[in-house]
Amino acid sequence: MKFIIIVLGIGWLLGQLIRYFLRTKLARFAAHVQEMEREQRRAQQSQSSPKEDISVDYIPKSHEAKRKKDIEGGEYVDYEEVKE
């Protein structure tokens, strides 16, 4: 009878210790995962926002005329409709 009580007591104590260590390990792991997620978010934000913006204030008239000329008309492409 004494042996059974001692074994149950040791088993309960080991269960409590294991539960405590698992909780602390999981808490550390969760904190580590959150820190890695924050770093990844910071990296994405720094990549998505350019440090120097380019702004064009003046486009030469000759360039505008050339662009408009290229767009107008175009080539005719013959095609056939295919019914499925």
C-alpha atoms as a PDB file:
ATOM      1  CA  MET A   1       0.000   0.000   0.000  1.00  0.00           C
ATOM      2  CA  LYS A   2       2.828   2.345   0.906  1.00  0.00           C
ATOM      3  CA  PHE A   3       4.562   1.532  -2.402  1.00  0.00           C
ATOM      4  CA  ILE A   4       1.457   2.440  -4.447  1.00  0.00           C
ATOM      5  CA  ILE A   5       1.084   5.794  -2.678  1.00  0.00           C
ATOM      6  CA  ILE A   6       4.774   6.613  -3.279  1.00  0.00           C
ATOM      7  CA  VAL A   7       4.538   5.638  -6.982  1.00  0.00           C
ATOM      8  CA  LEU A   8       1.369   7.718  -7.431  1.00  0.00           C
ATOM      9  CA  GLY A   9       2.975  10.673  -5.659  1.00  0.00           C
ATOM     10  CA  ILE A  10       6.118  10.491  -7.793  1.00  0.00           C
ATOM     11  CA  GLY A  11       4.000  10.092 -10.939  1.00  0.00           C
ATOM     12  CA  TRP A  12       1.886  13.120 -10.037  1.00  0.00           C
ATOM     13  CA  LEU A  13       5.005  15.171  -9.224  1.00  0.00           C
ATOM     14  CA  LEU A  14       6.666  14.194 -12.523  1.00  0.00           C
ATOM     15  CA  GLY A  15       3.465  15.050 -14.403  1.00  0.00           C
ATOM     16  CA  GLN A  16       3.389  18.509 -12.831  1.00  0.00           C
ATOM     17  CA  LEU A  17       7.080  19.103 -13.605  1.00  0.00           C
ATOM     18  CA  ILE A  18       6.693  17.970 -17.217  1.00  0.00           C
ATOM     19  CA  ARG A  19       3.611  20.151 -17.650  1.00  0.00           C
ATOM     20  CA  TYR A  20       5.492  23.166 -16.222  1.00  0.00           C
ATOM     21  CA  PHE A  21       8.510  22.669 -18.497  1.00  0.00           C
ATOM     22  CA  LEU A  22       6.336  22.115 -21.548  1.00  0.00           C
ATOM     23  CA  ARG A  23       4.442  25.344 -20.855  1.00  0.00           C
ATOM     24  CA  THR A  24       7.656  27.344 -20.510  1.00  0.00           C
ATOM     25  CA  LYS A  25       9.142  25.782 -23.647  1.00  0.00           C
ATOM     26  CA  LEU A  26       5.957  26.459 -25.621  1.00  0.00           C
ATOM     27  CA  ALA A  27       5.846  30.045 -24.347  1.00  0.00           C
ATOM     28  CA  ARG A  28       9.459  30.579 -25.445  1.00  0.00           C
ATOM     29  CA  PHE A  29       8.734  28.996 -28.822  1.00  0.00           C
ATOM     30  CA  ALA A  30       5.650  31.188 -29.318  1.00  0.00           C
ATOM     31  CA  ALA A  31       7.667  34.306 -28.442  1.00  0.00           C
ATOM     32  CA  HIS A  32      10.372  33.249 -30.897  1.00  0.00           C
ATOM     33  CA  VAL A  33       7.815  32.685 -33.659  1.00  0.00           C
ATOM     34  CA  GLN A  34       6.247  36.099 -32.998  1.00  0.00           C
ATOM     35  CA  GLU A  35       9.664  37.783 -33.138  1.00  0.00           C
ATOM     36  CA  MET A  36      10.470  36.088 -36.453  1.00  0.00           C
ATOM     37  CA  GLU A  37       7.070  37.189 -37.793  1.00  0.00           C
ATOM     38  CA  ARG A  38       7.759  40.798 -36.757  1.00  0.00           C
ATOM     39  CA  GLU A  39      11.158  40.717 -38.466  1.00  0.00           C
ATOM     40  CA  GLN A  40       9.599  39.311 -41.624  1.00  0.00           C
ATOM     41  CA  ARG A  41       6.911  42.018 -41.595  1.00  0.00           C
ATOM     42  CA  ARG A  42       9.574  44.718 -41.161  1.00  0.00           C
ATOM     43  CA  ALA A  43      11.555  43.297 -44.073  1.00  0.00           C
ATOM     44  CA  GLN A  44       8.476  43.263 -46.311  1.00  0.00           C
ATOM     45  CA  GLN A  45       7.595  46.834 -45.386  1.00  0.00           C
ATOM     46  CA  SER A  46      11.112  48.059 -46.091  1.00  0.00           C
ATOM     47  CA  GLN A  47      11.107  46.306 -49.480  1.00  0.00           C
ATOM     48  CA  SER A  48       7.668  47.570 -50.500  1.00  0.00           C
ATOM     49  CA  SER A  49       8.332  51.233 -49.760  1.00  0.00           C
ATOM     50  CA  PRO A  50      11.097  52.649 -51.958  1.00  0.00           C
ATOM     51  CA  LYS A  51      13.547  54.928 -50.242  1.00  0.00           C
ATOM     52  CA  GLU A  52      13.786  57.362 -53.160  1.00  0.00           C
ATOM     53  CA  ASP A  53      10.808  58.364 -55.275  1.00  0.00           C
ATOM     54  CA  ILE A  54      11.207  59.319 -58.913  1.00  0.00           C
ATOM     55  CA  SER A  55       9.027  62.107 -60.203  1.00  0.00           C
ATOM     56  CA  VAL A  56       8.910  63.354 -63.788  1.00  0.00           C
ATOM     57  CA  ASP A  57       8.121  67.044 -64.101  1.00  0.00           C
ATOM     58  CA  TYR A  58       8.741  67.529 -67.819  1.00  0.00           C
ATOM     59  CA  ILE A  59       8.172  65.363 -70.898  1.00  0.00           C
ATOM     60  CA  PRO A  60       9.604  66.759 -74.154  1.00  0.00           C
ATOM     61  CA  LYS A  61       7.040  67.588 -76.882  1.00  0.00           C
ATOM     62  CA  SER A  62       8.818  65.424 -79.463  1.00  0.00           C
ATOM     63  CA  HIS A  63       8.518  62.402 -77.198  1.00  0.00           C
ATOM     64  CA  GLU A  64       4.776  62.969 -76.658  1.00  0.00           C
ATOM     65  CA  ALA A  65       4.160  63.286 -80.396  1.00  0.00           C
ATOM     66  CA  LYS A  66       6.053  60.053 -81.061  1.00  0.00           C
ATOM     67  CA  ARG A  67       4.071  58.179 -78.403  1.00  0.00           C
ATOM     68  CA  LYS A  68       0.734  59.340 -79.793  1.00  0.00           C
ATOM     69  CA  LYS A  69       1.783  58.463 -83.346  1.00  0.00           C
ATOM     70  CA  ASP A  70       2.718  54.908 -82.366  1.00  0.00           C
ATOM     71  CA  ILE A  71      -0.575  54.281 -80.625  1.00  0.00           C
ATOM     72  CA  GLU A  72      -2.938  55.539 -83.337  1.00  0.00           C
ATOM     73  CA  GLY A  73      -4.068  53.082 -85.983  1.00  0.00           C
ATOM     74  CA  GLY A  74      -1.882  50.079 -85.515  1.00  0.00           C
ATOM     75  CA  GLU A  75      -1.789  47.003 -87.690  1.00  0.00           C
ATOM     76  CA  TYR A  76      -4.792  44.994 -88.763  1.00  0.00           C
ATOM     77  CA  VAL A  77      -4.684  41.379 -87.643  1.00  0.00           C
ATOM     78  CA  ASP A  78      -6.934  38.942 -89.472  1.00  0.00           C
ATOM     79  CA  TYR A  79      -8.588  36.317 -87.293  1.00  0.00           C
ATOM     80  CA  GLU A  80     -11.128  33.549 -87.481  1.00  0.00           C
ATOM     81  CA  GLU A  81     -13.754  32.814 -84.886  1.00  0.00           C
ATOM     82  CA  VAL A  82     -13.607  29.305 -83.547  1.00  0.00           C
ATOM     83  CA  LYS A  83     -16.813  27.818 -82.192  1.00  0.00           C
ATOM     84  CA  GLU A  84     -16.453  25.179 -79.554  1.00  0.00           C
END
